[in-house]
């Protein structure tokens, strides 16, 4: 305890949590991209995925998923996509179409 001041432990914990959240976001984004293609027929180049994760109380939580479809998928119904990822990840999911 004398070697590591208590305020350094808190800083280390925050850095660890931020790094874990970033890694978790990357992993979930990759899974969402794969699911978009296999479940909804939209390839990775047809969408952009952003996932927000948080780390607290020794738990990594997915807090939000945002999917932006390219204009080629303008007529694709976003509701089943939103419902699927909301249910699977237990967090809000929004699907939009990018402007051309």
N, C-alpha and C. Protein backbone atom coordinates (compact mmCIF):
# COMPACT_ATOMS: atom_id res chain seq x y z
N UNK A 1 0.82 -1.19 0.00
CA UNK A 1 0.00 0.00 0.00
C UNK A 1 0.86 1.25 0.00
N UNK A 2 1.98 1.21 0.66
CA UNK A 2 2.84 2.38 0.74
C UNK A 2 3.47 2.70 -0.61
N UNK A 3 3.61 1.71 -1.49
CA UNK A 3 4.25 1.94 -2.78
C UNK A 3 3.32 2.59 -3.80
N UNK A 4 2.04 2.34 -3.69
CA UNK A 4 1.07 2.88 -4.66
C UNK A 4 0.09 3.79 -3.91
N UNK A 5 0.17 5.09 -4.15
CA UNK A 5 -0.77 5.99 -3.48
C UNK A 5 -2.21 5.65 -3.87
N UNK A 6 -3.15 5.89 -2.98
CA UNK A 6 -4.54 5.52 -3.22
C UNK A 6 -5.12 6.24 -4.44
N UNK A 7 -4.70 7.48 -4.71
CA UNK A 7 -5.24 8.18 -5.87
C UNK A 7 -4.76 7.56 -7.18
N UNK A 8 -3.59 6.91 -7.18
CA UNK A 8 -3.09 6.23 -8.37
C UNK A 8 -3.94 4.99 -8.66
N UNK A 9 -4.40 4.31 -7.64
CA UNK A 9 -5.25 3.14 -7.84
C UNK A 9 -6.54 3.54 -8.56
N UNK A 10 -7.13 4.64 -8.16
CA UNK A 10 -8.34 5.12 -8.79
C UNK A 10 -8.09 5.45 -10.26
N UNK A 11 -6.98 6.13 -10.54
CA UNK A 11 -6.64 6.46 -11.92
C UNK A 11 -6.44 5.19 -12.75
N UNK A 12 -5.76 4.22 -12.19
CA UNK A 12 -5.52 2.97 -12.90
C UNK A 12 -6.84 2.26 -13.18
N UNK A 13 -7.72 2.28 -12.24
CA UNK A 13 -9.03 1.66 -12.42
C UNK A 13 -9.81 2.33 -13.55
N UNK A 14 -9.75 3.66 -13.62
CA UNK A 14 -10.45 4.39 -14.67
C UNK A 14 -9.86 4.07 -16.04
N UNK A 15 -8.54 4.02 -16.12
CA UNK A 15 -7.87 3.70 -17.39
C UNK A 15 -8.22 2.28 -17.81
N UNK A 16 -8.19 1.34 -16.89
CA UNK A 16 -8.56 -0.04 -17.18
C UNK A 16 -9.99 -0.11 -17.68
N UNK A 17 -10.89 0.57 -17.01
CA UNK A 17 -12.30 0.57 -17.41
C UNK A 17 -12.50 1.17 -18.79
N UNK A 18 -11.81 2.27 -19.08
CA UNK A 18 -11.92 2.89 -20.41
C UNK A 18 -11.39 1.97 -21.49
N UNK A 19 -10.25 1.32 -21.23
CA UNK A 19 -9.68 0.40 -22.21
C UNK A 19 -10.59 -0.81 -22.43
N UNK A 20 -11.13 -1.33 -21.38
CA UNK A 20 -12.04 -2.48 -21.49
C UNK A 20 -13.30 -2.10 -22.25
N UNK A 21 -13.82 -0.92 -22.00
CA UNK A 21 -15.01 -0.45 -22.71
C UNK A 21 -14.71 -0.28 -24.21
N UNK A 22 -13.54 0.22 -24.55
CA UNK A 22 -13.16 0.39 -25.96
C UNK A 22 -13.02 -0.97 -26.66
N UNK A 23 -12.38 -1.91 -25.98
CA UNK A 23 -12.23 -3.25 -26.55
C UNK A 23 -13.60 -3.91 -26.70
N UNK A 24 -14.44 -3.76 -25.70
CA UNK A 24 -15.79 -4.32 -25.76
C UNK A 24 -16.60 -3.73 -26.90
N UNK A 25 -16.48 -2.42 -27.10
CA UNK A 25 -17.19 -1.76 -28.20
C UNK A 25 -16.75 -2.32 -29.54
N UNK A 26 -15.44 -2.49 -29.71
CA UNK A 26 -14.91 -3.05 -30.97
C UNK A 26 -15.43 -4.46 -31.23
N UNK A 27 -15.46 -5.28 -30.19
CA UNK A 27 -15.94 -6.65 -30.33
C UNK A 27 -17.43 -6.70 -30.67
N UNK A 28 -18.21 -5.89 -30.01
CA UNK A 28 -19.65 -5.87 -30.27
C UNK A 28 -19.92 -5.31 -31.67
N UNK A 29 -19.18 -4.29 -32.08
CA UNK A 29 -19.33 -3.75 -33.43
C UNK A 29 -19.09 -4.83 -34.48
N UNK A 30 -18.04 -5.62 -34.29
CA UNK A 30 -17.73 -6.70 -35.24
C UNK A 30 -18.87 -7.72 -35.27
N UNK A 31 -19.42 -8.06 -34.11
CA UNK A 31 -20.54 -9.00 -34.05
C UNK A 31 -21.78 -8.43 -34.74
N UNK A 32 -22.06 -7.14 -34.52
CA UNK A 32 -23.23 -6.51 -35.15
C UNK A 32 -23.07 -6.51 -36.67
N UNK A 33 -21.88 -6.18 -37.16
CA UNK A 33 -21.64 -6.20 -38.61
C UNK A 33 -21.87 -7.59 -39.19
N UNK A 34 -21.39 -8.60 -38.49
CA UNK A 34 -21.59 -9.97 -38.95
C UNK A 34 -23.08 -10.33 -38.94
N UNK A 35 -23.78 -9.95 -37.90
CA UNK A 35 -25.22 -10.24 -37.80
C UNK A 35 -26.01 -9.47 -38.85
N UNK A 36 -25.58 -8.27 -39.18
CA UNK A 36 -26.26 -7.49 -40.22
C UNK A 36 -26.23 -8.25 -41.54
N UNK A 37 -25.11 -8.87 -41.84
CA UNK A 37 -25.01 -9.61 -43.10
C UNK A 37 -25.75 -10.93 -43.05
N UNK A 38 -25.53 -11.71 -41.99
CA UNK A 38 -26.12 -13.04 -41.95
C UNK A 38 -27.63 -13.01 -41.68
N UNK A 39 -28.08 -12.08 -40.87
CA UNK A 39 -29.50 -12.06 -40.48
C UNK A 39 -30.34 -11.16 -41.38
N UNK A 40 -29.75 -10.03 -41.82
CA UNK A 40 -30.54 -9.05 -42.56
C UNK A 40 -30.08 -8.86 -44.01
N UNK A 41 -29.02 -9.54 -44.40
CA UNK A 41 -28.55 -9.47 -45.77
C UNK A 41 -27.88 -8.16 -46.15
N UNK A 42 -27.42 -7.41 -45.17
CA UNK A 42 -26.76 -6.13 -45.43
C UNK A 42 -25.27 -6.31 -45.14
N UNK A 43 -24.42 -6.22 -46.17
CA UNK A 43 -22.99 -6.43 -45.98
C UNK A 43 -22.35 -5.30 -45.19
N UNK A 44 -21.15 -5.55 -44.69
CA UNK A 44 -20.43 -4.56 -43.87
C UNK A 44 -20.27 -3.23 -44.58
N UNK A 45 -20.07 -3.27 -45.90
CA UNK A 45 -19.91 -2.01 -46.64
C UNK A 45 -21.24 -1.28 -46.82
N UNK A 46 -22.33 -1.90 -46.42
CA UNK A 46 -23.65 -1.28 -46.53
C UNK A 46 -24.10 -0.57 -45.26
N UNK A 47 -23.24 -0.58 -44.24
CA UNK A 47 -23.63 0.08 -43.00
C UNK A 47 -22.41 0.48 -42.18
N UNK A 48 -22.66 1.38 -41.27
CA UNK A 48 -21.67 1.79 -40.29
C UNK A 48 -22.27 1.51 -38.92
N UNK A 49 -21.46 0.94 -38.03
CA UNK A 49 -21.95 0.58 -36.71
C UNK A 49 -21.11 1.28 -35.65
N UNK A 50 -21.78 1.86 -34.67
CA UNK A 50 -21.13 2.46 -33.51
C UNK A 50 -21.77 1.88 -32.26
N UNK A 51 -20.94 1.39 -31.37
CA UNK A 51 -21.42 0.79 -30.13
C UNK A 51 -20.78 1.53 -28.96
N UNK A 52 -21.58 1.87 -27.99
CA UNK A 52 -21.07 2.48 -26.76
C UNK A 52 -21.15 1.46 -25.64
N UNK A 53 -20.05 1.32 -24.91
CA UNK A 53 -19.99 0.43 -23.75
C UNK A 53 -19.51 1.24 -22.55
N UNK A 54 -19.88 0.79 -21.39
CA UNK A 54 -19.38 1.40 -20.16
C UNK A 54 -18.92 0.29 -19.22
N UNK A 55 -17.99 0.65 -18.37
CA UNK A 55 -17.47 -0.30 -17.39
C UNK A 55 -17.67 0.31 -16.01
N UNK A 56 -18.32 -0.45 -15.16
CA UNK A 56 -18.51 0.01 -13.78
C UNK A 56 -18.89 -1.16 -12.90
N UNK A 57 -18.43 -1.11 -11.68
CA UNK A 57 -18.72 -2.16 -10.70
C UNK A 57 -18.38 -3.54 -11.25
N UNK A 58 -17.22 -3.61 -11.91
CA UNK A 58 -16.69 -4.87 -12.45
C UNK A 58 -17.59 -5.49 -13.52
N UNK A 59 -18.37 -4.65 -14.21
CA UNK A 59 -19.27 -5.14 -15.25
C UNK A 59 -19.13 -4.28 -16.49
N UNK A 60 -19.00 -4.95 -17.63
CA UNK A 60 -18.99 -4.26 -18.91
C UNK A 60 -20.40 -4.30 -19.47
N UNK A 61 -20.94 -3.14 -19.82
CA UNK A 61 -22.32 -3.04 -20.29
C UNK A 61 -22.37 -2.33 -21.64
N UNK A 62 -23.12 -2.91 -22.58
CA UNK A 62 -23.38 -2.23 -23.84
C UNK A 62 -24.51 -1.25 -23.57
N UNK A 63 -24.26 0.03 -23.82
CA UNK A 63 -25.25 1.06 -23.47
C UNK A 63 -26.03 1.59 -24.67
N UNK A 64 -25.47 1.44 -25.89
CA UNK A 64 -26.17 1.95 -27.06
C UNK A 64 -25.56 1.37 -28.33
N UNK A 65 -26.41 1.13 -29.32
CA UNK A 65 -25.97 0.69 -30.65
C UNK A 65 -26.59 1.64 -31.66
N UNK A 66 -25.74 2.18 -32.55
CA UNK A 66 -26.22 3.04 -33.63
C UNK A 66 -25.76 2.45 -34.95
N UNK A 67 -26.71 2.26 -35.84
CA UNK A 67 -26.42 1.69 -37.16
C UNK A 67 -26.88 2.70 -38.21
N UNK A 68 -25.98 3.00 -39.12
CA UNK A 68 -26.31 3.91 -40.22
C UNK A 68 -26.18 3.12 -41.52
N UNK A 69 -27.30 3.01 -42.24
CA UNK A 69 -27.31 2.30 -43.50
C UNK A 69 -26.92 3.24 -44.63
N UNK A 70 -26.28 2.72 -45.66
CA UNK A 70 -25.98 3.53 -46.83
C UNK A 70 -27.28 3.78 -47.60
N UNK A 71 -27.31 4.80 -48.46
CA UNK A 71 -28.53 5.09 -49.21
C UNK A 71 -29.05 3.91 -50.04
N UNK A 72 -28.20 2.96 -50.38
CA UNK A 72 -28.64 1.80 -51.14
C UNK A 72 -29.69 1.00 -50.37
N UNK A 73 -29.75 1.16 -49.05
CA UNK A 73 -30.69 0.40 -48.21
C UNK A 73 -31.80 1.30 -47.66
N UNK A 74 -32.09 2.36 -48.40
CA UNK A 74 -33.10 3.34 -48.00
C UNK A 74 -34.46 2.69 -47.75
N UNK A 75 -34.82 1.71 -48.55
CA UNK A 75 -36.13 1.08 -48.42
C UNK A 75 -36.15 -0.11 -47.45
N UNK A 76 -35.04 -0.40 -46.83
CA UNK A 76 -34.96 -1.51 -45.88
C UNK A 76 -35.64 -1.08 -44.58
N UNK A 77 -36.57 -1.88 -44.09
CA UNK A 77 -37.30 -1.55 -42.86
C UNK A 77 -36.36 -1.62 -41.65
N UNK A 78 -36.16 -0.49 -40.95
CA UNK A 78 -35.23 -0.48 -39.81
C UNK A 78 -35.79 -1.12 -38.54
N UNK A 79 -37.10 -1.24 -38.43
CA UNK A 79 -37.71 -1.71 -37.18
C UNK A 79 -37.28 -3.12 -36.77
N UNK A 80 -37.25 -4.10 -37.67
CA UNK A 80 -36.79 -5.43 -37.25
C UNK A 80 -35.32 -5.42 -36.80
N UNK A 81 -34.50 -4.58 -37.42
CA UNK A 81 -33.09 -4.48 -37.03
C UNK A 81 -32.99 -3.91 -35.63
N UNK A 82 -33.69 -2.81 -35.40
CA UNK A 82 -33.68 -2.19 -34.07
C UNK A 82 -34.18 -3.16 -33.00
N UNK A 83 -35.27 -3.84 -33.29
CA UNK A 83 -35.85 -4.78 -32.32
C UNK A 83 -34.88 -5.93 -32.02
N UNK A 84 -34.24 -6.46 -33.05
CA UNK A 84 -33.33 -7.59 -32.86
C UNK A 84 -32.15 -7.22 -31.95
N UNK A 85 -31.49 -6.10 -32.26
CA UNK A 85 -30.32 -5.74 -31.46
C UNK A 85 -30.70 -5.22 -30.08
N UNK A 86 -31.85 -4.58 -29.96
CA UNK A 86 -32.32 -4.15 -28.64
C UNK A 86 -32.54 -5.38 -27.75
N UNK A 87 -33.14 -6.41 -28.32
CA UNK A 87 -33.39 -7.63 -27.54
C UNK A 87 -32.08 -8.38 -27.24
N UNK A 88 -31.24 -8.54 -28.23
CA UNK A 88 -30.00 -9.31 -28.05
C UNK A 88 -29.02 -8.65 -27.10
N UNK A 89 -28.93 -7.32 -27.15
CA UNK A 89 -27.92 -6.61 -26.36
C UNK A 89 -28.50 -5.87 -25.16
N UNK A 90 -29.82 -5.90 -25.02
CA UNK A 90 -30.50 -5.27 -23.89
C UNK A 90 -30.10 -3.80 -23.73
N UNK A 91 -30.15 -3.08 -24.86
CA UNK A 91 -29.84 -1.66 -24.85
C UNK A 91 -30.56 -1.01 -26.04
N UNK A 92 -30.67 0.31 -26.03
CA UNK A 92 -31.31 0.98 -27.17
C UNK A 92 -30.49 0.80 -28.45
N UNK A 93 -31.21 0.65 -29.55
CA UNK A 93 -30.59 0.55 -30.86
C UNK A 93 -31.35 1.47 -31.81
N UNK A 94 -30.60 2.27 -32.56
CA UNK A 94 -31.25 3.12 -33.56
C UNK A 94 -30.63 2.85 -34.93
N UNK A 95 -31.49 2.85 -35.94
CA UNK A 95 -31.05 2.62 -37.32
C UNK A 95 -31.49 3.84 -38.14
N UNK A 96 -30.52 4.43 -38.84
CA UNK A 96 -30.80 5.55 -39.72
C UNK A 96 -30.22 5.26 -41.09
N UNK A 97 -30.59 6.09 -42.06
CA UNK A 97 -30.02 5.98 -43.40
C UNK A 97 -29.19 7.23 -43.65
N UNK A 98 -27.93 7.02 -44.05
CA UNK A 98 -27.04 8.14 -44.32
C UNK A 98 -27.50 8.91 -45.55
N UNK A 99 -27.29 10.20 -45.55
CA UNK A 99 -27.64 11.03 -46.71
C UNK A 99 -26.71 10.68 -47.88
N UNK A 100 -27.26 10.70 -49.08
CA UNK A 100 -26.43 10.38 -50.26
C UNK A 100 -25.34 11.41 -50.51
